[in-house]
């Protein structure tokens, strides 16, 4: 992101997390959030005064609920607040820009109601140095054909001119984050080994979901 290019040593190992089902943040991506719940308002307030960083992570339905809330997937993505505004009714409208994935080591003491973790980032150090110029491991037309089928099935009227103008790497990140895949599918995209594997996984999901009727929504928790 413009003006902020941290090294691994610059990033915290202990930080707040925002558990949100179905929300995917990827390195290089930008996630808009409408924040209104008191504990997450507190999280954003504290983050703004301490480096602007917190992690996004999905609840894992396979795990038992604990004292602090639902069990979490071990892999999430650390982001930095790159824009924010406050509404007249006290909500925060923020954009969280993805920096680097992390693996949760342990959950630590919550602060003001929001959850915090100790995490390992070194295994994903390459996330900080991706150029955004990676090429697709298949023909771009193959992706666009699958995308057209997927959007047609979902009833989405896409801006194809904007899509055509996007570089390959940015298109993959944007589609992974924006398409309403199931939480487990979004997690698989997050945990892909590299950009090429993520692109292949995205293509597979587009092809599978082009003929699917959709997924059940989970109510825990929501940002908007």
C-alpha atoms as a PDB file:
ATOM      1  CA  UNK A   1       0.000   0.000   0.000  1.00  0.00           C
ATOM      2  CA  UNK A   2       1.191   3.503  -0.763  1.00  0.00           C
ATOM      3  CA  UNK A   3       3.505   5.032   1.820  1.00  0.00           C
ATOM      4  CA  UNK A   4       3.660   1.961   4.092  1.00  0.00           C
ATOM      5  CA  UNK A   5       6.087  -0.819   3.238  1.00  0.00           C
ATOM      6  CA  UNK A   6       7.030  -2.529   6.519  1.00  0.00           C
ATOM      7  CA  UNK A   7       9.715  -5.082   7.123  1.00  0.00           C
ATOM      8  CA  UNK A   8       8.904  -8.186   9.137  1.00  0.00           C
ATOM      9  CA  UNK A   9      10.690  -6.742  12.190  1.00  0.00           C
ATOM     10  CA  UNK A  10       8.381  -3.703  12.092  1.00  0.00           C
ATOM     11  CA  UNK A  11       5.246  -5.763  12.662  1.00  0.00           C
ATOM     12  CA  UNK A  12       3.728  -6.775  16.012  1.00  0.00           C
ATOM     13  CA  UNK A  13       3.492 -10.354  17.200  1.00  0.00           C
ATOM     14  CA  UNK A  14       0.659  -9.555  19.641  1.00  0.00           C
ATOM     15  CA  UNK A  15      -2.346  -7.764  18.174  1.00  0.00           C
ATOM     16  CA  UNK A  16      -6.166  -7.562  18.206  1.00  0.00           C
ATOM     17  CA  UNK A  17      -8.233  -9.733  15.915  1.00  0.00           C
ATOM     18  CA  UNK A  18     -11.636  -9.122  14.374  1.00  0.00           C
ATOM     19  CA  UNK A  19     -13.353 -12.518  13.913  1.00  0.00           C
ATOM     20  CA  UNK A  20     -15.780 -12.204  11.021  1.00  0.00           C
ATOM     21  CA  UNK A  21     -17.402 -15.116   9.259  1.00  0.00           C
ATOM     22  CA  UNK A  22     -17.088 -14.975   5.478  1.00  0.00           C
ATOM     23  CA  UNK A  23     -14.745 -11.969   5.461  1.00  0.00           C
ATOM     24  CA  UNK A  24     -11.474 -12.482   3.616  1.00  0.00           C
ATOM     25  CA  UNK A  25      -8.508 -10.127   3.763  1.00  0.00           C
ATOM     26  CA  UNK A  26      -5.506 -10.952   1.585  1.00  0.00           C
ATOM     27  CA  UNK A  27      -2.077  -9.292   1.394  1.00  0.00           C
ATOM     28  CA  UNK A  28      -2.419  -6.451  -1.075  1.00  0.00           C
ATOM     29  CA  UNK A  29      -6.202  -6.396  -0.741  1.00  0.00           C
ATOM     30  CA  UNK A  30      -8.459  -3.696   0.678  1.00  0.00           C
ATOM     31  CA  UNK A  31     -11.383  -4.671   2.896  1.00  0.00           C
ATOM     32  CA  UNK A  32     -14.102  -2.103   3.721  1.00  0.00           C
ATOM     33  CA  UNK A  33     -15.678  -2.544   7.155  1.00  0.00           C
ATOM     34  CA  UNK A  34     -18.709  -0.892   8.715  1.00  0.00           C
ATOM     35  CA  UNK A  35     -17.935  -1.149  12.438  1.00  0.00           C
ATOM     36  CA  UNK A  36     -20.673  -0.545  14.994  1.00  0.00           C
ATOM     37  CA  UNK A  37     -20.453  -3.165  17.766  1.00  0.00           C
ATOM     38  CA  UNK A  38     -18.996  -1.571  20.957  1.00  0.00           C
ATOM     39  CA  UNK A  39     -16.078  -3.988  21.351  1.00  0.00           C
ATOM     40  CA  UNK A  40     -15.005  -3.509  17.748  1.00  0.00           C
ATOM     41  CA  UNK A  41     -15.403   0.248  17.991  1.00  0.00           C
ATOM     42  CA  UNK A  42     -12.993  -0.029  20.923  1.00  0.00           C
ATOM     43  CA  UNK A  43     -10.654  -2.181  18.820  1.00  0.00           C
ATOM     44  CA  UNK A  44     -10.561   0.410  16.030  1.00  0.00           C
ATOM     45  CA  UNK A  45     -10.085   3.278  18.487  1.00  0.00           C
ATOM     46  CA  UNK A  46      -7.140   1.505  20.116  1.00  0.00           C
ATOM     47  CA  UNK A  47      -5.646   0.452  16.787  1.00  0.00           C
ATOM     48  CA  UNK A  48      -5.730   4.029  15.500  1.00  0.00           C
ATOM     49  CA  UNK A  49      -3.520   5.024  18.408  1.00  0.00           C
ATOM     50  CA  UNK A  50      -1.111   2.095  18.116  1.00  0.00           C
ATOM     51  CA  UNK A  51       0.104   1.514  14.573  1.00  0.00           C
ATOM     52  CA  UNK A  52      -3.352   1.106  13.018  1.00  0.00           C
ATOM     53  CA  UNK A  53      -2.977  -2.674  12.771  1.00  0.00           C
ATOM     54  CA  UNK A  54      -5.221  -5.598  13.620  1.00  0.00           C
ATOM     55  CA  UNK A  55      -5.910  -9.045  12.195  1.00  0.00           C
ATOM     56  CA  UNK A  56      -8.879 -10.482  10.359  1.00  0.00           C
ATOM     57  CA  UNK A  57      -9.679 -14.128  11.039  1.00  0.00           C
ATOM     58  CA  UNK A  58     -12.696 -16.348  10.489  1.00  0.00           C
ATOM     59  CA  UNK A  59     -14.490 -18.381  13.152  1.00  0.00           C
ATOM     60  CA  UNK A  60     -14.051 -22.126  12.646  1.00  0.00           C
ATOM     61  CA  UNK A  61     -17.372 -23.927  13.071  1.00  0.00           C
ATOM     62  CA  UNK A  62     -15.551 -27.203  13.747  1.00  0.00           C
ATOM     63  CA  UNK A  63     -14.159 -25.877  17.040  1.00  0.00           C
ATOM     64  CA  UNK A  64     -15.947 -25.510  20.347  1.00  0.00           C
ATOM     65  CA  UNK A  65     -16.872 -22.050  21.561  1.00  0.00           C
ATOM     66  CA  UNK A  66     -14.591 -20.742  24.318  1.00  0.00           C
ATOM     67  CA  UNK A  67     -14.825 -18.078  26.998  1.00  0.00           C
ATOM     68  CA  UNK A  68     -13.972 -15.305  24.533  1.00  0.00           C
ATOM     69  CA  UNK A  69     -16.153 -16.473  21.662  1.00  0.00           C
ATOM     70  CA  UNK A  70     -16.136 -18.971  18.783  1.00  0.00           C
ATOM     71  CA  UNK A  71     -13.074 -21.030  17.973  1.00  0.00           C
ATOM     72  CA  UNK A  72     -10.921 -19.486  15.258  1.00  0.00           C
ATOM     73  CA  UNK A  73      -9.075 -20.723  12.212  1.00  0.00           C
ATOM     74  CA  UNK A  74      -5.353 -20.614  12.925  1.00  0.00           C
ATOM     75  CA  UNK A  75      -4.526 -18.611   9.789  1.00  0.00           C
ATOM     76  CA  UNK A  76      -5.596 -14.994   9.344  1.00  0.00           C
ATOM     77  CA  UNK A  77      -4.274 -11.805   7.773  1.00  0.00           C
ATOM     78  CA  UNK A  78      -2.826  -8.758   9.506  1.00  0.00           C
ATOM     79  CA  UNK A  79      -4.027  -5.473   8.083  1.00  0.00           C
ATOM     80  CA  UNK A  80      -3.494  -1.756   8.563  1.00  0.00           C
ATOM     81  CA  UNK A  81      -6.241   0.861   8.642  1.00  0.00           C
ATOM     82  CA  UNK A  82      -5.557   2.906   5.513  1.00  0.00           C
ATOM     83  CA  UNK A  83      -8.658   5.100   5.662  1.00  0.00           C
ATOM     84  CA  UNK A  84     -11.371   5.784   8.205  1.00  0.00           C
ATOM     85  CA  UNK A  85     -14.264   8.077   8.966  1.00  0.00           C
ATOM     86  CA  UNK A  86     -16.766   8.320  11.783  1.00  0.00           C
ATOM     87  CA  UNK A  87     -20.492   8.640  11.124  1.00  0.00           C
ATOM     88  CA  UNK A  88     -22.937  10.839  13.011  1.00  0.00           C
ATOM     89  CA  UNK A  89     -24.338   7.769  14.769  1.00  0.00           C
ATOM     90  CA  UNK A  90     -20.915   6.694  16.046  1.00  0.00           C
ATOM     91  CA  UNK A  91     -19.952   3.990  13.543  1.00  0.00           C
ATOM     92  CA  UNK A  92     -16.517   3.695  11.963  1.00  0.00           C
ATOM     93  CA  UNK A  93     -16.250   3.235   8.213  1.00  0.00           C
ATOM     94  CA  UNK A  94     -12.751   1.917   7.618  1.00  0.00           C
ATOM     95  CA  UNK A  95     -10.643   0.342   4.924  1.00  0.00           C
ATOM     96  CA  UNK A  96      -8.241  -2.325   6.119  1.00  0.00           C
ATOM     97  CA  UNK A  97      -5.315  -2.971   3.767  1.00  0.00           C
ATOM     98  CA  UNK A  98      -3.823  -6.459   3.914  1.00  0.00           C
ATOM     99  CA  UNK A  99      -0.161  -6.805   4.874  1.00  0.00           C
ATOM    100  CA  UNK A 100       0.786 -10.374   5.744  1.00  0.00           C
ATOM    101  CA  UNK A 101      -0.793 -13.642   6.780  1.00  0.00           C
ATOM    102  CA  UNK A 102      -0.214 -15.047  10.252  1.00  0.00           C
ATOM    103  CA  UNK A 103      -0.569 -18.249  12.231  1.00  0.00           C
ATOM    104  CA  UNK A 104      -2.159 -17.956  15.665  1.00  0.00           C
ATOM    105  CA  UNK A 105       0.081 -19.372  18.397  1.00  0.00           C
ATOM    106  CA  UNK A 106      -2.264 -18.628  21.283  1.00  0.00           C
ATOM    107  CA  UNK A 107      -5.066 -16.329  22.304  1.00  0.00           C
ATOM    108  CA  UNK A 108      -4.065 -13.798  24.960  1.00  0.00           C
ATOM    109  CA  UNK A 109      -5.976 -11.623  27.413  1.00  0.00           C
ATOM    110  CA  UNK A 110      -8.738  -9.596  25.741  1.00  0.00           C
ATOM    111  CA  UNK A 111      -8.805  -5.819  26.039  1.00  0.00           C
ATOM    112  CA  UNK A 112     -12.013  -3.766  26.307  1.00  0.00           C
ATOM    113  CA  UNK A 113     -14.011  -6.769  25.116  1.00  0.00           C
ATOM    114  CA  UNK A 114     -12.097  -7.493  21.896  1.00  0.00           C
ATOM    115  CA  UNK A 115      -9.934 -10.526  21.319  1.00  0.00           C
ATOM    116  CA  UNK A 116      -6.145 -10.558  20.973  1.00  0.00           C
ATOM    117  CA  UNK A 117      -3.657 -13.176  19.809  1.00  0.00           C
ATOM    118  CA  UNK A 118       0.036 -13.930  19.770  1.00  0.00           C
ATOM    119  CA  UNK A 119       0.947 -14.949  16.238  1.00  0.00           C
ATOM    120  CA  UNK A 120       3.815 -16.098  14.042  1.00  0.00           C
ATOM    121  CA  UNK A 121       4.356 -14.101  10.853  1.00  0.00           C
ATOM    122  CA  UNK A 122       7.781 -15.252   9.637  1.00  0.00           C
ATOM    123  CA  UNK A 123       6.395 -18.164   7.633  1.00  0.00           C
ATOM    124  CA  UNK A 124       4.585 -15.667   5.415  1.00  0.00           C
ATOM    125  CA  UNK A 125       7.398 -13.126   5.006  1.00  0.00           C
ATOM    126  CA  UNK A 126       7.085 -13.394   1.212  1.00  0.00           C
ATOM    127  CA  UNK A 127       3.677 -11.665   1.496  1.00  0.00           C
ATOM    128  CA  UNK A 128       5.511  -8.405   2.216  1.00  0.00           C
ATOM    129  CA  UNK A 129       7.549  -8.571  -0.971  1.00  0.00           C
ATOM    130  CA  UNK A 130       5.060  -9.631  -3.616  1.00  0.00           C
ATOM    131  CA  UNK A 131       5.403  -7.327  -6.605  1.00  0.00           C
ATOM    132  CA  UNK A 132       1.809  -7.624  -7.758  1.00  0.00           C
ATOM    133  CA  UNK A 133       3.125  -8.529 -11.220  1.00  0.00           C
ATOM    134  CA  UNK A 134       2.694 -12.282 -11.005  1.00  0.00           C
ATOM    135  CA  UNK A 135       1.251 -13.888 -14.128  1.00  0.00           C
ATOM    136  CA  UNK A 136      -1.625 -16.333 -14.117  1.00  0.00           C
ATOM    137  CA  UNK A 137      -0.782 -20.059 -14.303  1.00  0.00           C
ATOM    138  CA  UNK A 138      -3.432 -20.393 -17.041  1.00  0.00           C
ATOM    139  CA  UNK A 139      -4.879 -18.260 -19.827  1.00  0.00           C
ATOM    140  CA  UNK A 140      -6.692 -15.160 -18.588  1.00  0.00           C
ATOM    141  CA  UNK A 141      -9.568 -15.971 -20.954  1.00  0.00           C
ATOM    142  CA  UNK A 142     -10.115 -19.201 -19.047  1.00  0.00           C
ATOM    143  CA  UNK A 143     -10.617 -17.226 -15.844  1.00  0.00           C
ATOM    144  CA  UNK A 144     -12.934 -14.709 -17.505  1.00  0.00           C
ATOM    145  CA  UNK A 145     -15.123 -17.437 -19.028  1.00  0.00           C
ATOM    146  CA  UNK A 146     -15.504 -19.094 -15.629  1.00  0.00           C
ATOM    147  CA  UNK A 147     -16.205 -15.697 -14.059  1.00  0.00           C
ATOM    148  CA  UNK A 148     -18.933 -14.920 -16.594  1.00  0.00           C
ATOM    149  CA  UNK A 149     -20.649 -18.240 -15.846  1.00  0.00           C
ATOM    150  CA  UNK A 150     -20.332 -17.646 -12.109  1.00  0.00           C
ATOM    151  CA  UNK A 151     -21.740 -14.105 -12.288  1.00  0.00           C
ATOM    152  CA  UNK A 152     -24.564 -15.221 -14.569  1.00  0.00           C
ATOM    153  CA  UNK A 153     -25.556 -17.920 -12.083  1.00  0.00           C
ATOM    154  CA  UNK A 154     -25.364 -15.423  -9.200  1.00  0.00           C
ATOM    155  CA  UNK A 155     -27.271 -12.714 -11.080  1.00  0.00           C
ATOM    156  CA  UNK A 156     -24.357 -10.270 -10.831  1.00  0.00           C
ATOM    157  CA  UNK A 157     -24.072  -7.453 -13.389  1.00  0.00           C
ATOM    158  CA  UNK A 158     -20.297  -6.947 -13.486  1.00  0.00           C
ATOM    159  CA  UNK A 159     -18.281  -3.995 -14.768  1.00  0.00           C
ATOM    160  CA  UNK A 160     -16.392  -5.906 -17.441  1.00  0.00           C
ATOM    161  CA  UNK A 161     -14.428  -2.858 -18.593  1.00  0.00           C
ATOM    162  CA  UNK A 162     -12.989  -2.414 -15.104  1.00  0.00           C
ATOM    163  CA  UNK A 163     -12.239  -6.132 -14.871  1.00  0.00           C
ATOM    164  CA  UNK A 164     -10.446  -6.077 -18.228  1.00  0.00           C
ATOM    165  CA  UNK A 165      -8.284  -3.173 -17.064  1.00  0.00           C
ATOM    166  CA  UNK A 166      -7.101  -4.875 -13.861  1.00  0.00           C
ATOM    167  CA  UNK A 167      -3.655  -6.518 -13.751  1.00  0.00           C
ATOM    168  CA  UNK A 168      -3.741 -10.271 -13.213  1.00  0.00           C
ATOM    169  CA  UNK A 169      -2.519 -10.245  -9.593  1.00  0.00           C
ATOM    170  CA  UNK A 170      -4.921  -7.490  -8.534  1.00  0.00           C
ATOM    171  CA  UNK A 171      -7.806  -9.260 -10.260  1.00  0.00           C
ATOM    172  CA  UNK A 172      -7.145 -12.499  -8.383  1.00  0.00           C
ATOM    173  CA  UNK A 173      -6.993 -10.737  -5.007  1.00  0.00           C
ATOM    174  CA  UNK A 174     -10.135  -8.710  -5.722  1.00  0.00           C
ATOM    175  CA  UNK A 175     -12.153 -11.716  -6.880  1.00  0.00           C
ATOM    176  CA  UNK A 176     -11.041 -13.899  -3.973  1.00  0.00           C
ATOM    177  CA  UNK A 177     -12.144 -11.242  -1.510  1.00  0.00           C
ATOM    178  CA  UNK A 178     -15.342 -10.087  -3.220  1.00  0.00           C
ATOM    179  CA  UNK A 179     -16.956 -13.313  -4.415  1.00  0.00           C
ATOM    180  CA  UNK A 180     -19.415 -14.714  -1.839  1.00  0.00           C
ATOM    181  CA  UNK A 181     -17.797 -18.102  -1.433  1.00  0.00           C
ATOM    182  CA  UNK A 182     -18.452 -20.255   1.632  1.00  0.00           C
ATOM    183  CA  UNK A 183     -16.257 -19.496   4.677  1.00  0.00           C
ATOM    184  CA  UNK A 184     -14.316 -22.747   4.248  1.00  0.00           C
ATOM    185  CA  UNK A 185     -13.668 -21.889   0.598  1.00  0.00           C
ATOM    186  CA  UNK A 186     -12.458 -18.405   1.552  1.00  0.00           C
ATOM    187  CA  UNK A 187     -10.152 -19.972   4.110  1.00  0.00           C
ATOM    188  CA  UNK A 188      -8.699 -22.260   1.450  1.00  0.00           C
ATOM    189  CA  UNK A 189      -7.947 -19.220  -0.720  1.00  0.00           C
ATOM    190  CA  UNK A 190      -6.235 -17.506   2.222  1.00  0.00           C
ATOM    191  CA  UNK A 191      -4.105 -20.552   2.986  1.00  0.00           C
ATOM    192  CA  UNK A 192      -2.994 -21.147  -0.612  1.00  0.00           C
ATOM    193  CA  UNK A 193       0.771 -21.605  -0.780  1.00  0.00           C
ATOM    194  CA  UNK A 194       1.424 -18.805  -3.237  1.00  0.00           C
ATOM    195  CA  UNK A 195      -0.250 -16.570  -5.819  1.00  0.00           C
ATOM    196  CA  UNK A 196      -0.283 -19.291  -8.484  1.00  0.00           C
ATOM    197  CA  UNK A 197      -1.956 -21.810  -6.179  1.00  0.00           C
ATOM    198  CA  UNK A 198      -4.487 -19.175  -5.125  1.00  0.00           C
ATOM    199  CA  UNK A 199      -5.321 -18.431  -8.758  1.00  0.00           C
ATOM    200  CA  UNK A 200      -5.841 -22.138  -9.469  1.00  0.00           C
ATOM    201  CA  UNK A 201      -8.055 -22.488  -6.376  1.00  0.00           C
ATOM    202  CA  UNK A 202     -10.087 -19.444  -7.417  1.00  0.00           C
ATOM    203  CA  UNK A 203     -10.663 -20.852 -10.904  1.00  0.00           C
ATOM    204  CA  UNK A 204     -11.816 -24.159  -9.424  1.00  0.00           C
ATOM    205  CA  UNK A 205     -14.238 -22.412  -7.056  1.00  0.00           C
ATOM    206  CA  UNK A 206     -15.667 -20.279  -9.844  1.00  0.00           C
ATOM    207  CA  UNK A 207     -16.274 -23.366 -11.954  1.00  0.00           C
ATOM    208  CA  UNK A 208     -17.861 -25.308  -9.081  1.00  0.00           C
ATOM    209  CA  UNK A 209     -20.032 -22.428  -7.852  1.00  0.00           C
ATOM    210  CA  UNK A 210     -21.195 -21.489 -11.347  1.00  0.00           C
ATOM    211  CA  UNK A 211     -23.669 -24.354 -10.998  1.00  0.00           C
ATOM    212  CA  UNK A 212     -24.387 -24.047  -7.270  1.00  0.00           C
ATOM    213  CA  UNK A 213     -27.462 -22.516  -5.644  1.00  0.00           C
ATOM    214  CA  UNK A 214     -25.444 -20.793  -2.913  1.00  0.00           C
ATOM    215  CA  UNK A 215     -24.418 -21.390   0.672  1.00  0.00           C
ATOM    216  CA  UNK A 216     -26.085 -20.994   4.017  1.00  0.00           C
ATOM    217  CA  UNK A 217     -25.122 -17.864   5.916  1.00  0.00           C
ATOM    218  CA  UNK A 218     -23.667 -18.005   9.423  1.00  0.00           C
ATOM    219  CA  UNK A 219     -24.842 -15.369  11.863  1.00  0.00           C
ATOM    220  CA  UNK A 220     -21.717 -15.111  14.042  1.00  0.00           C
ATOM    221  CA  UNK A 221     -20.537 -12.308  14.029  1.00  0.00           C
ATOM    222  CA  UNK A 222     -21.389  -9.513  11.551  1.00  0.00           C
ATOM    223  CA  UNK A 223     -19.833  -6.119  10.840  1.00  0.00           C
ATOM    224  CA  UNK A 224     -22.824  -4.596   9.119  1.00  0.00           C
END
